[in-house]
C-alpha atoms as a PDB file:
ATOM      1  CA  THR A   1      35.730  -0.574 -17.252  1.00  0.00           C
ATOM      2  CA  ARG A   2      32.911  -1.072 -19.753  1.00  0.00           C
ATOM      3  CA  ALA A   3      30.682  -2.686 -17.139  1.00  0.00           C
ATOM      4  CA  ALA A   4      31.277   0.201 -14.731  1.00  0.00           C
ATOM      5  CA  ALA A   5      30.522   2.711 -17.479  1.00  0.00           C
ATOM      6  CA  ALA A   6      27.314   0.843 -18.373  1.00  0.00           C
ATOM      7  CA  ARG A   7      26.208   0.858 -14.709  1.00  0.00           C
ATOM      8  CA  ALA A   8      26.955   4.577 -14.438  1.00  0.00           C
ATOM      9  CA  THR A   9      24.961   5.266 -17.596  1.00  0.00           C
ATOM     10  CA  GLN A  10      22.041   3.176 -16.373  1.00  0.00           C
ATOM     11  CA  ALA A  11      22.109   4.990 -13.022  1.00  0.00           C
ATOM     12  CA  ALA A  12      22.087   8.366 -14.788  1.00  0.00           C
ATOM     13  CA  VAL A  13      19.132   7.291 -16.935  1.00  0.00           C
ATOM     14  CA  ILE A  14      17.171   6.032 -13.916  1.00  0.00           C
ATOM     15  CA  THR A  15      17.914   9.213 -11.962  1.00  0.00           C
ATOM     16  CA  ALA A  16      16.803  11.381 -14.876  1.00  0.00           C
ATOM     17  CA  ALA A  17      13.618   9.356 -15.311  1.00  0.00           C
ATOM     18  CA  ALA A  18      12.797   9.545 -11.595  1.00  0.00           C
ATOM     19  CA  GLU A  19      13.203  13.324 -11.564  1.00  0.00           C
ATOM     20  CA  LEU A  20      11.038  13.737 -14.652  1.00  0.00           C
ATOM     21  CA  PHE A  21       8.316  11.347 -13.440  1.00  0.00           C
ATOM     22  CA  ILE A  22       8.066  13.373 -10.230  1.00  0.00           C
ATOM     23  CA  GLN A  23       8.139  16.753 -11.987  1.00  0.00           C
ATOM     24  CA  GLN A  24       5.911  16.080 -15.000  1.00  0.00           C
ATOM     25  CA  GLY A  25       4.288  12.728 -14.393  1.00  0.00           C
ATOM     26  CA  TYR A  26       4.591   9.423 -16.186  1.00  0.00           C
ATOM     27  CA  ALA A  27       2.447  10.434 -19.165  1.00  0.00           C
ATOM     28  CA  GLY A  28       4.221  13.771 -19.558  1.00  0.00           C
ATOM     29  CA  THR A  29       7.694  12.257 -19.664  1.00  0.00           C
ATOM     30  CA  THR A  30       9.210  11.190 -22.975  1.00  0.00           C
ATOM     31  CA  MET A  31      12.194   8.960 -23.544  1.00  0.00           C
ATOM     32  CA  GLN A  32      13.875  11.856 -25.355  1.00  0.00           C
ATOM     33  CA  GLN A  33      13.496  14.011 -22.246  1.00  0.00           C
ATOM     34  CA  VAL A  34      15.034  11.235 -20.151  1.00  0.00           C
ATOM     35  CA  ALA A  35      17.944  10.987 -22.583  1.00  0.00           C
ATOM     36  CA  THR A  36      18.498  14.735 -22.599  1.00  0.00           C
ATOM     37  CA  ARG A  37      18.404  14.975 -18.806  1.00  0.00           C
ATOM     38  CA  ALA A  38      20.769  11.995 -18.466  1.00  0.00           C
ATOM     39  CA  GLY A  39      23.137  13.433 -21.071  1.00  0.00           C
ATOM     40  CA  VAL A  40      22.926  10.431 -23.387  1.00  0.00           C
ATOM     41  CA  GLY A  41      21.400   9.635 -26.746  1.00  0.00           C
ATOM     42  CA  ARG A  42      17.821   8.370 -26.965  1.00  0.00           C
ATOM     43  CA  ALA A  43      18.998   4.951 -28.167  1.00  0.00           C
ATOM     44  CA  THR A  44      21.206   4.651 -25.084  1.00  0.00           C
ATOM     45  CA  VAL A  45      18.137   4.912 -22.846  1.00  0.00           C
ATOM     46  CA  PHE A  46      16.679   1.835 -24.531  1.00  0.00           C
ATOM     47  CA  THR A  47      19.936  -0.132 -24.442  1.00  0.00           C
ATOM     48  CA  SER A  48      20.700   0.674 -20.808  1.00  0.00           C
ATOM     49  CA  VAL A  49      17.176  -0.081 -19.526  1.00  0.00           C
ATOM     50  CA  HIS A  50      15.236  -2.738 -21.385  1.00  0.00           C
ATOM     51  CA  GLY A  51      11.475  -2.421 -21.046  1.00  0.00           C
ATOM     52  CA  GLY A  52      10.912   1.263 -21.779  1.00  0.00           C
ATOM     53  CA  LYS A  53       9.115   3.689 -19.505  1.00  0.00           C
ATOM     54  CA  PRO A  54       7.382   1.062 -17.325  1.00  0.00           C
ATOM     55  CA  GLU A  55      10.752  -0.488 -16.466  1.00  0.00           C
ATOM     56  CA  LEU A  56      12.258   2.934 -15.818  1.00  0.00           C
ATOM     57  CA  LEU A  57       9.491   3.671 -13.336  1.00  0.00           C
ATOM     58  CA  ARG A  58       9.934   0.285 -11.649  1.00  0.00           C
ATOM     59  CA  LEU A  59      13.687   0.713 -11.323  1.00  0.00           C
ATOM     60  CA  ALA A  60      13.356   4.303 -10.095  1.00  0.00           C
ATOM     61  CA  ARG A  61      10.838   3.266  -7.431  1.00  0.00           C
ATOM     62  CA  ASP A  62      12.891   0.239  -6.350  1.00  0.00           C
ATOM     63  CA  ARG A  63      16.049   2.320  -6.056  1.00  0.00           C
ATOM     64  CA  ALA A  64      14.260   5.029  -4.093  1.00  0.00           C
ATOM     65  CA  LEU A  65      12.842   2.489  -1.637  1.00  0.00           C
ATOM     66  CA  ALA A  66      16.055   0.524  -1.148  1.00  0.00           C
ATOM     67  CA  GLY A  67      18.529   3.385  -1.419  1.00  0.00           C
ATOM     68  CA  ASP A  68      20.706   1.753  -4.092  1.00  0.00           C
ATOM     69  CA  ASP A  69      20.697  -0.335  -7.266  1.00  0.00           C
ATOM     70  CA  GLU A  70      21.531  -3.657  -5.641  1.00  0.00           C
ATOM     71  CA  PRO A  71      18.986  -6.400  -6.432  1.00  0.00           C
ATOM     72  CA  VAL A  72      18.436  -7.227  -2.758  1.00  0.00           C
ATOM     73  CA  PRO A  73      14.853  -7.270  -1.422  1.00  0.00           C
ATOM     74  CA  ILE A  74      14.227  -4.994   1.552  1.00  0.00           C
ATOM     75  CA  PRO A  75      13.621  -7.889   3.998  1.00  0.00           C
ATOM     76  CA  GLN A  76      17.151  -9.120   3.186  1.00  0.00           C
ATOM     77  CA  ARG A  77      18.876  -5.786   3.723  1.00  0.00           C
ATOM     78  CA  SER A  78      21.046  -5.359   6.798  1.00  0.00           C
ATOM     79  CA  TRP A  79      19.189  -2.295   8.103  1.00  0.00           C
ATOM     80  CA  PHE A  80      15.875  -4.184   7.998  1.00  0.00           C
ATOM     81  CA  ILE A  81      17.350  -7.354   9.508  1.00  0.00           C
ATOM     82  CA  ASP A  82      18.961  -5.311  12.318  1.00  0.00           C
ATOM     83  CA  THR A  83      15.653  -3.593  13.058  1.00  0.00           C
ATOM     84  CA  MET A  84      13.729  -6.876  13.144  1.00  0.00           C
ATOM     85  CA  ALA A  85      16.353  -8.332  15.514  1.00  0.00           C
ATOM     86  CA  GLU A  86      15.478  -5.701  18.138  1.00  0.00           C
ATOM     87  CA  PRO A  87      14.322  -7.762  21.172  1.00  0.00           C
ATOM     88  CA  ASP A  88      11.730  -5.252  22.402  1.00  0.00           C
ATOM     89  CA  GLY A  89       8.587  -4.837  20.281  1.00  0.00           C
ATOM     90  CA  GLU A  90       8.092  -1.148  21.102  1.00  0.00           C
ATOM     91  CA  ARG A  91      11.702  -0.257  20.290  1.00  0.00           C
ATOM     92  CA  LEU A  92      11.436  -2.305  17.103  1.00  0.00           C
ATOM     93  CA  LEU A  93       8.434  -0.228  16.017  1.00  0.00           C
ATOM     94  CA  ARG A  94      10.246   3.010  16.811  1.00  0.00           C
ATOM     95  CA  ARG A  95      13.224   1.930  14.713  1.00  0.00           C
ATOM     96  CA  GLN A  96      10.961   0.739  11.909  1.00  0.00           C
ATOM     97  CA  ALA A  97       9.172   4.098  11.955  1.00  0.00           C
ATOM     98  CA  GLY A  98      12.544   5.609  11.065  1.00  0.00           C
ATOM     99  CA  ASN A  99      12.941   3.125   8.228  1.00  0.00           C
ATOM    100  CA  TYR A 100       9.471   3.993   6.931  1.00  0.00           C
ATOM    101  CA  ARG A 101      10.242   7.713   7.129  1.00  0.00           C
ATOM    102  CA  HIS A 102      13.411   7.239   5.112  1.00  0.00           C
ATOM    103  CA  MET A 103      11.687   5.092   2.461  1.00  0.00           C
ATOM    104  CA  LEU A 104       8.765   7.498   2.140  1.00  0.00           C
ATOM    105  CA  GLN A 105      11.046  10.539   1.911  1.00  0.00           C
ATOM    106  CA  CYS A 106      12.791   8.903  -1.022  1.00  0.00           C
ATOM    107  CA  ALA A 107       9.975   7.024  -2.736  1.00  0.00           C
ATOM    108  CA  ALA A 108       6.540   8.450  -1.882  1.00  0.00           C
ATOM    109  CA  ALA A 109       6.345  10.722  -4.921  1.00  0.00           C
ATOM    110  CA  LEU A 110       7.219   7.860  -7.282  1.00  0.00           C
ATOM    111  CA  GLU A 111       4.799   5.526  -5.510  1.00  0.00           C
ATOM    112  CA  LEU A 112       1.990   8.051  -5.896  1.00  0.00           C
ATOM    113  CA  GLU A 113       2.840   8.578  -9.564  1.00  0.00           C
ATOM    114  CA  LEU A 114       2.838   4.819 -10.173  1.00  0.00           C
ATOM    115  CA  GLN A 115      -0.574   4.335  -8.573  1.00  0.00           C
ATOM    116  CA  SER A 116      -2.022   7.337 -10.403  1.00  0.00           C
ATOM    117  CA  ALA A 117      -0.550   6.489 -13.812  1.00  0.00           C
ATOM    118  CA  ALA A 118      -1.661   2.856 -13.567  1.00  0.00           C
ATOM    119  CA  LYS A 119      -5.282   4.016 -13.786  1.00  0.00           C
ATOM    120  CA  SER A 120      -4.823   5.156 -17.392  1.00  0.00           C
ATOM    121  CA  HIS A 121      -1.778   3.137 -18.495  1.00  0.00           C
ATOM    122  CA  PRO A 122      -2.510  -0.600 -18.629  1.00  0.00           C
ATOM    123  CA  GLU A 123       1.197  -1.419 -18.892  1.00  0.00           C
ATOM    124  CA  LEU A 124       1.618  -0.209 -15.292  1.00  0.00           C
ATOM    125  CA  ARG A 125      -1.285  -2.060 -13.679  1.00  0.00           C
ATOM    126  CA  ALA A 126       0.658  -5.214 -12.804  1.00  0.00           C
ATOM    127  CA  LEU A 127       3.506  -3.137 -11.372  1.00  0.00           C
ATOM    128  CA  ALA A 128       1.109  -1.039  -9.289  1.00  0.00           C
ATOM    129  CA  ALA A 129      -0.634  -4.146  -7.961  1.00  0.00           C
ATOM    130  CA  ASP A 130       2.719  -5.752  -7.148  1.00  0.00           C
ATOM    131  CA  ALA A 131       3.823  -2.606  -5.301  1.00  0.00           C
ATOM    132  CA  LYS A 132       0.729  -2.855  -3.096  1.00  0.00           C
ATOM    133  CA  ARG A 133       1.358  -6.560  -2.469  1.00  0.00           C
ATOM    134  CA  GLN A 134       4.972  -5.827  -1.504  1.00  0.00           C
ATOM    135  CA  ARG A 135       3.868  -3.182   0.988  1.00  0.00           C
ATOM    136  CA  ALA A 136       1.252  -5.511   2.473  1.00  0.00           C
ATOM    137  CA  ARG A 137       3.815  -8.327   2.821  1.00  0.00           C
ATOM    138  CA  GLY A 138       6.230  -5.918   4.456  1.00  0.00           C
ATOM    139  CA  ALA A 139       3.611  -4.753   6.965  1.00  0.00           C
ATOM    140  CA  ARG A 140       2.741  -8.368   7.827  1.00  0.00           C
ATOM    141  CA  LEU A 141       6.418  -9.199   8.316  1.00  0.00           C
ATOM    142  CA  VAL A 142       6.958  -6.262  10.676  1.00  0.00           C
ATOM    143  CA  VAL A 143       3.843  -7.152  12.681  1.00  0.00           C
ATOM    144  CA  GLN A 144       4.910 -10.798  12.955  1.00  0.00           C
ATOM    145  CA  HIS A 145       8.206  -9.674  14.493  1.00  0.00           C
ATOM    146  CA  VAL A 146       6.478  -7.261  16.878  1.00  0.00           C
ATOM    147  CA  ALA A 147       3.904  -9.851  17.940  1.00  0.00           C
ATOM    148  CA  ALA A 148       6.627 -12.360  18.776  1.00  0.00           C
ATOM    149  CA  LYS A 149       8.400  -9.970  21.176  1.00  0.00           C
ATOM    150  CA  PRO A 150       7.411  -8.388  24.465  1.00  0.00           C
ATOM    151  CA  PRO A 151       5.134  -6.633  25.050  1.00  0.00           C
ATOM    152  CA  GLY A 152       3.441  -8.184  21.987  1.00  0.00           C
ATOM    153  CA  LEU A 153       0.296  -6.832  20.387  1.00  0.00           C
ATOM    154  CA  ARG A 154      -2.470  -5.151  22.361  1.00  0.00           C
ATOM    155  CA  THR A 155      -5.185  -7.424  23.699  1.00  0.00           C
ATOM    156  CA  HIS A 156      -7.792  -8.266  21.056  1.00  0.00           C
ATOM    157  CA  LEU A 157      -5.613  -6.921  18.228  1.00  0.00           C
ATOM    158  CA  THR A 158      -5.031  -9.590  15.614  1.00  0.00           C
ATOM    159  CA  GLU A 159      -1.908  -9.724  13.515  1.00  0.00           C
ATOM    160  CA  ARG A 160      -4.027  -9.148  10.426  1.00  0.00           C
ATOM    161  CA  ARG A 161      -5.678  -6.022  11.846  1.00  0.00           C
ATOM    162  CA  ALA A 162      -2.300  -4.724  13.035  1.00  0.00           C
ATOM    163  CA  ALA A 163      -0.757  -5.343   9.598  1.00  0.00           C
ATOM    164  CA  ASP A 164      -3.694  -3.645   7.867  1.00  0.00           C
ATOM    165  CA  THR A 165      -3.291  -0.637  10.159  1.00  0.00           C
ATOM    166  CA  LEU A 166       0.452  -0.435   9.562  1.00  0.00           C
ATOM    167  CA  TYR A 167      -0.122  -0.738   5.803  1.00  0.00           C
ATOM    168  CA  ALA A 168      -2.548   2.197   5.876  1.00  0.00           C
ATOM    169  CA  LEU A 169      -0.453   4.398   8.174  1.00  0.00           C
ATOM    170  CA  THR A 170       2.646   4.017   6.007  1.00  0.00           C
ATOM    171  CA  SER A 171       0.996   4.751   2.673  1.00  0.00           C
ATOM    172  CA  ALA A 172       2.473   7.329   0.344  1.00  0.00           C
ATOM    173  CA  GLY A 173      -0.882   9.107   0.300  1.00  0.00           C
ATOM    174  CA  LEU A 174      -0.955   9.577   4.068  1.00  0.00           C
ATOM    175  CA  TRP A 175       2.694  10.675   4.020  1.00  0.00           C
ATOM    176  CA  GLN A 176       1.865  13.272   1.377  1.00  0.00           C
ATOM    177  CA  SER A 177      -1.105  14.518   3.394  1.00  0.00           C
ATOM    178  CA  TYR A 178       0.974  15.099   6.494  1.00  0.00           C
ATOM    179  CA  ILE A 179       4.128  16.410   4.812  1.00  0.00           C
ATOM    180  CA  GLU A 180       2.757  18.457   1.923  1.00  0.00           C
ATOM    181  CA  ASP A 181      -0.784  19.335   2.984  1.00  0.00           C
ATOM    182  CA  CYS A 182      -0.284  19.790   6.719  1.00  0.00           C
ATOM    183  CA  GLY A 183       3.337  20.964   6.678  1.00  0.00           C
ATOM    184  CA  TRP A 184       4.712  18.300   9.029  1.00  0.00           C
ATOM    185  CA  SER A 185       8.415  17.586   8.985  1.00  0.00           C
ATOM    186  CA  PRO A 186       9.559  14.034   8.210  1.00  0.00           C
ATOM    187  CA  GLU A 187      10.696  13.772  11.830  1.00  0.00           C
ATOM    188  CA  GLU A 188       7.218  14.746  13.054  1.00  0.00           C
ATOM    189  CA  TYR A 189       5.708  12.030  10.880  1.00  0.00           C
ATOM    190  CA  GLN A 190       8.181   9.482  12.246  1.00  0.00           C
ATOM    191  CA  HIS A 191       7.413  10.449  15.845  1.00  0.00           C
ATOM    192  CA  TRP A 192       3.658  10.259  15.166  1.00  0.00           C
ATOM    193  CA  LEU A 193       4.001   6.888  13.466  1.00  0.00           C
END
């Protein structure tokens, strides 16, 4: 019962932090505001999430990308494994476009805040760099699966160039441009991608 209560408290703290980071930014969010929004005492924020604000941002981003609090990397999640098992490369990309849409809908705002805040908050620089490395690894993994299946990659398109292109096309910044600036729906973005 205590463990379940601790997990529920941690989830409430992470949810509150995510909402505040999106609404007021990393710098504008205080631990007291997180505690108030989560309905807990300030000390509880520190005991439920060790590592302060940087760890709160990491956990909020990870949860938004994965869809839950389980410590399972995206390449080991069933929805990703099922998509990569698709035998046709074009259908695989269509399915993965849906996965990207879902991840960006949930995590783009936090990803953008992380990259922006890392410029003036040294404690976030390693996390921001790791987030970029994770995305690049993910793009390479998807391209490797596509390249190994018919119809394969276009003639003269290397796996590296394809992965670089996928990395760029699935960035939070591009998502924001299409969704917020241009007024596209998430479904329109997915179809375009």
